[in-house]
Protein backbone atom coordinates (compact mmCIF):
# COMPACT_ATOMS: atom_id res chain seq x y z
CA MET A 1 79.27 105.69 -131.11
CA ILE A 2 75.22 104.69 -131.04
CA ILE A 3 74.73 100.61 -131.43
CA GLY A 4 71.47 98.91 -131.46
CA HIS A 5 72.92 95.60 -129.52
CA PRO A 6 75.75 94.95 -127.35
CA GLY A 7 78.56 93.40 -129.41
CA HIS A 8 78.08 95.42 -132.35
CA GLU A 9 81.27 97.34 -130.83
CA LEU A 10 83.74 94.16 -132.23
CA ARG A 11 83.42 95.46 -135.78
CA ILE A 12 84.97 98.30 -135.63
CA HIS A 13 87.19 97.85 -132.40
CA HIS A 14 90.34 99.50 -133.41
CA TRP A 15 88.50 102.56 -134.20
CA VAL A 16 87.08 102.35 -130.74
CA GLU A 17 90.39 101.76 -128.89
CA THR A 18 91.86 104.54 -131.16
CA VAL A 19 88.50 107.16 -130.59
CA HIS A 20 87.17 106.11 -127.26
CA PRO A 21 83.72 107.20 -127.98
CA LEU A 22 81.03 107.61 -125.57
CA THR A 23 78.94 104.80 -126.16
CA VAL A 24 75.11 104.36 -126.64
CA VAL A 25 73.25 100.88 -127.00
CA LEU A 26 69.51 101.32 -127.69
CA THR A 27 69.07 97.58 -126.32
CA ASP A 28 70.51 94.65 -123.82
CA GLY A 29 70.81 92.19 -126.32
CA SER A 30 68.40 89.18 -124.53
CA GLY A 31 67.08 88.56 -127.58
CA ARG A 32 64.42 85.74 -126.90
CA GLY A 33 64.16 85.56 -123.37
CA GLN A 34 68.38 85.58 -123.53
CA GLN A 35 70.38 87.23 -120.77
CA SER A 36 71.34 90.38 -121.27
CA ARG A 37 75.11 91.33 -122.80
CA LEU A 38 75.70 94.25 -121.50
CA ALA A 39 78.42 93.22 -118.85
CA SER A 40 80.08 91.85 -121.92
CA THR A 41 80.47 94.79 -123.78
CA LEU A 42 80.96 97.21 -120.76
CA ASN A 43 83.94 94.69 -120.59
CA VAL A 44 85.12 95.60 -124.00
CA LEU A 45 84.60 99.58 -123.63
CA HIS A 46 86.62 99.40 -120.49
CA ARG A 47 89.57 97.69 -121.94
CA ALA A 48 89.38 100.01 -124.98
CA GLY A 49 89.20 102.75 -123.06
CA ALA A 50 85.68 103.69 -124.07
CA LYS A 51 82.69 104.90 -121.75
CA PRO A 52 79.13 104.32 -121.71
CA ALA A 53 76.58 106.96 -122.05
CA THR A 54 73.42 107.22 -120.25
CA ILE A 55 71.22 105.20 -122.62
CA PHE A 56 73.03 102.04 -122.43
CA GLY A 57 70.14 99.24 -122.90
CA ARG A 58 67.62 101.10 -122.86
CA TRP A 59 65.20 98.50 -124.03
CA THR A 60 64.74 94.94 -123.97
CA ASP A 61 64.89 93.42 -127.21
CA ALA A 62 61.19 92.45 -126.76
CA GLN A 63 60.47 95.94 -125.77
CA ALA A 64 62.12 97.76 -128.91
CA TYR A 65 59.95 94.87 -131.00
CA GLU A 66 56.89 95.91 -129.17
CA ILE A 67 57.24 99.52 -129.92
CA LEU A 68 58.09 98.82 -133.65
CA LEU A 69 54.75 96.67 -133.78
CA SER A 70 52.41 98.93 -131.80
CA GLY A 71 53.66 102.08 -133.13
CA ASN A 72 54.78 103.40 -129.68
CA LEU A 73 56.17 107.04 -131.32
CA ASP A 74 56.28 108.74 -128.18
CA ALA A 75 58.86 105.94 -126.97
CA LEU A 76 61.00 107.14 -130.23
CA ILE A 77 60.50 110.90 -129.81
CA GLY A 78 61.65 110.44 -126.16
CA VAL A 79 64.93 108.58 -126.83
CA THR A 80 65.58 110.57 -130.19
CA LYS A 81 65.76 113.81 -128.08
CA GLU A 82 67.32 112.11 -125.57
CA LEU A 83 70.27 111.17 -128.18
CA ALA A 84 70.17 114.90 -129.62
CA GLN A 85 70.96 116.08 -126.16
CA THR A 86 73.78 113.92 -125.47
CA ILE A 87 75.47 114.58 -128.73
CA ALA A 88 75.12 118.43 -128.24
CA THR A 89 75.86 118.71 -124.57
CA ASN A 90 79.03 116.57 -125.20
CA ASP A 91 80.32 118.71 -128.30
CA ILE A 92 79.97 115.81 -130.28
CA GLU A 93 81.78 116.02 -134.01
CA ILE A 94 81.52 112.65 -135.53
CA VAL A 95 78.48 110.07 -134.66
CA VAL A 96 79.43 106.55 -135.92
CA ALA A 97 76.39 103.84 -135.72
CA ASP A 98 74.56 100.35 -137.31
CA ALA A 99 74.26 100.31 -140.92
CA MET A 100 70.85 100.25 -142.41
CA GLU A 101 70.82 96.53 -143.99
CA GLY A 102 67.92 95.53 -143.34
CA PHE A 103 68.89 92.12 -141.11
CA ASN A 104 67.51 92.86 -138.23
CA PRO A 105 64.61 95.87 -137.48
CA THR A 106 66.47 97.18 -134.40
CA HIS A 107 69.57 97.69 -136.35
CA ASP A 108 67.84 99.33 -138.73
CA LEU A 109 65.79 101.72 -135.85
CA CYS A 110 69.27 102.47 -134.46
CA ARG A 111 70.11 103.67 -138.17
CA TYR A 112 67.04 105.92 -138.35
CA LEU A 113 67.29 107.15 -134.52
CA THR A 114 70.65 107.83 -135.08
CA ASP A 115 70.15 110.07 -138.37
CA ALA A 116 66.85 111.74 -136.48
CA ALA A 117 69.11 112.67 -133.70
CA VAL A 118 72.35 113.93 -135.66
CA LEU A 119 70.09 116.37 -137.62
CA ARG A 120 68.06 117.67 -134.60
CA ALA A 121 71.66 118.30 -132.93
CA ALA A 122 72.81 120.08 -135.82
CA ARG A 123 69.71 121.91 -136.20
CA GLU A 124 69.96 122.82 -131.92
CA THR A 125 73.61 123.65 -132.02
CA GLY A 126 73.98 125.37 -135.44
CA ARG A 127 77.10 123.03 -135.95
CA LYS A 128 78.28 120.32 -138.71
CA ILE A 129 78.03 116.74 -137.28
CA ALA A 130 79.39 114.10 -139.20
CA ASN A 131 77.42 111.09 -139.61
CA PHE A 132 78.99 107.86 -140.34
CA ASP A 133 77.85 104.07 -140.59
CA PHE A 134 79.72 100.76 -140.31
CA THR A 135 78.37 97.07 -141.90
CA LEU A 136 77.16 93.90 -139.69
CA VAL A 137 76.27 92.03 -141.73
CA GLY A 138 78.16 92.29 -144.88
CA PRO A 139 81.75 92.49 -145.52
CA PRO A 140 83.68 94.83 -143.13
CA ASP A 141 85.20 96.81 -146.36
CA ALA A 142 81.99 97.32 -148.52
CA ALA A 143 81.11 100.32 -149.69
CA PRO A 144 79.30 101.63 -152.93
CA ALA A 145 81.93 103.20 -155.46
CA GLU A 146 80.73 106.71 -155.09
CA ILE A 147 81.41 107.15 -151.33
CA ARG A 148 84.32 105.30 -151.01
CA ASP A 149 86.75 108.08 -151.39
CA GLN A 150 84.57 109.74 -148.34
CA CYS A 151 84.73 106.77 -146.47
CA ILE A 152 87.54 106.57 -143.07
CA ARG A 153 89.38 103.58 -143.15
CA LEU A 154 91.35 101.84 -140.47
CA GLN A 155 94.02 99.29 -141.58
CA LEU A 156 95.08 97.39 -138.15
CA ASP A 157 98.42 96.36 -137.76
CA ASP A 158 99.04 92.32 -136.86
CA ALA A 159 98.86 93.51 -133.11
CA ALA A 160 95.25 95.39 -133.39
CA LEU A 161 94.11 92.71 -135.23
CA ALA A 162 94.99 90.38 -132.30
CA ARG A 163 93.78 92.28 -129.97
CA LYS A 164 90.27 92.66 -132.08
CA ARG A 165 90.19 88.86 -132.16
CA ILE A 166 90.73 88.54 -128.26
CA ALA A 167 88.17 90.78 -127.29
CA ALA A 168 85.42 89.02 -129.80
CA GLU A 169 86.69 85.47 -128.43
CA ASN A 170 86.45 87.03 -124.71
CA TYR A 171 82.84 87.69 -125.59
CA PRO A 172 81.03 84.43 -124.69
CA GLU A 173 77.38 85.57 -125.99
CA LEU A 174 78.63 86.11 -129.74
CA LYS A 175 80.75 82.79 -129.87
CA GLU A 176 78.90 81.28 -133.15
CA GLU A 177 78.27 84.58 -134.39
CA VAL A 178 82.02 85.30 -134.40
CA ASP A 179 82.89 81.95 -135.71
CA ALA A 180 80.64 81.80 -138.48
CA ALA A 181 81.88 85.69 -139.55
CA ILE A 182 85.32 84.68 -139.68
CA SER A 183 84.68 81.15 -141.71
CA GLN A 184 82.72 83.50 -143.93
CA PHE A 185 85.01 86.15 -144.66
CA GLY A 186 88.08 85.00 -142.91
CA LEU A 187 90.32 86.64 -140.35
CA GLN A 188 92.71 89.04 -142.23
CA LEU A 189 89.50 90.97 -144.05
CA PHE A 190 88.57 92.30 -140.51
CA ALA A 191 91.70 93.88 -140.48
CA THR A 192 90.03 96.50 -142.46
CA GLU A 193 87.56 99.11 -140.59
CA LEU A 194 85.41 101.14 -142.65
CA LEU A 195 83.38 103.71 -141.64
CA ARG A 196 81.23 105.14 -144.17
CA PRO A 197 79.61 108.80 -144.46
CA VAL A 198 75.66 108.58 -144.35
CA THR A 199 73.83 110.81 -146.96
CA ALA A 200 70.23 109.70 -147.02
CA HIS A 201 67.44 108.93 -144.76
CA PHE A 202 66.17 105.78 -146.57
CA LEU A 203 62.24 107.21 -145.75
CA THR A 204 60.77 105.47 -148.67
CA ALA A 205 59.96 101.80 -148.99
CA CYS A 206 62.33 99.16 -150.13
CA ALA A 207 61.71 97.41 -153.46
CA ASP A 208 62.59 94.17 -151.79
CA ARG A 209 61.50 92.88 -148.53
CA PRO A 210 64.33 92.85 -145.98
CA PHE A 211 65.61 89.57 -144.43
CA TYR A 212 64.30 90.37 -141.07
CA GLU A 213 60.49 90.03 -142.74
CA THR A 214 61.56 86.18 -143.81
CA HIS A 215 63.12 85.33 -140.88
CA GLY A 216 60.13 86.57 -138.88
CA GLU A 217 57.61 84.70 -140.84
CA ASN A 218 59.52 81.63 -140.05
CA ARG A 219 59.52 82.25 -136.47
CA VAL A 220 56.04 82.78 -136.17
CA LYS A 221 55.52 79.69 -137.91
CA GLU A 222 57.71 77.89 -135.57
CA GLY A 223 55.57 79.49 -132.66
CA HIS A 224 58.04 81.66 -131.39
CA TYR A 225 56.85 85.18 -132.58
CA ASP A 226 53.03 86.15 -132.47
CA GLN A 227 53.73 88.70 -135.34
CA VAL A 228 56.13 89.85 -137.99
CA ILE A 229 57.61 93.28 -138.13
CA ARG A 230 57.36 94.09 -141.61
CA SER A 231 59.22 97.36 -143.15
CA ARG A 232 56.25 99.27 -145.11
CA GLU A 233 53.86 98.34 -142.34
CA ASN A 234 55.36 99.25 -139.25
CA VAL A 235 59.01 100.40 -139.51
CA LEU A 236 58.39 102.93 -142.31
CA PRO A 237 55.05 105.00 -141.45
CA LEU A 238 56.45 105.32 -137.56
CA MET A 239 59.63 106.64 -139.21
CA GLN A 240 57.85 108.84 -141.14
CA ALA A 241 55.75 110.01 -138.34
CA LEU A 242 58.75 110.74 -136.63
CA TRP A 243 60.26 113.22 -139.02
CA ARG A 244 57.08 114.89 -138.92
CA GLU A 245 56.65 115.29 -134.94
CA LEU A 246 60.32 116.49 -134.87
CA ASP A 247 60.25 118.84 -137.90
CA LEU A 248 63.46 116.96 -139.71
CA PRO A 249 64.42 117.59 -143.41
CA ALA A 250 63.93 114.48 -145.24
């Protein structure tokens, strides 16, 4: 499992407690000047029987944003190679990571780096490596009609859903997000966990601006940030450069 922020594992908690995945977390989840969330995720993983990988909070959120704003290709190449090596040396057959939803640039960065690492590891090992995503913002059972029959669906019984809710309620840094998600979708919807096959790498610009651009513009107006991370100007050119440097198929 590769996630951009600690806490994302809660969305697929039953899969985590069933599979016990080796877990990569790209950032520490510290946000804007806040504290790391890694300890809370370590607690979730420990209780679920999963274990952390060597990349576990490699960057602060601020460092991840600066990588995107400054176009630090070397940092992304290094992490992608390390991820690919982790996949290869541990004989990983299935990788599950954040979906690309345009909500947060770190979530989308996680998806790009996962795709690149899976492609590189498959080329180096000659093995087929399955690549799946899961939603973080949209409904947990959302999937395009054309891939629904290829998804991995876990239907939680009452006991599994109760354990999932307890894990979420015992994650203090995400209390507001957990309450908001249950209020928006209802608890029962989270009894479904859907892993969706990734079939494209989105190395073209989106027709619409992602949410994180609008959010970033508001934060700049409020004086919290100096710059806005933009898909077309910052993220996409950097990802295209990463693909070229690693000689990956588009």
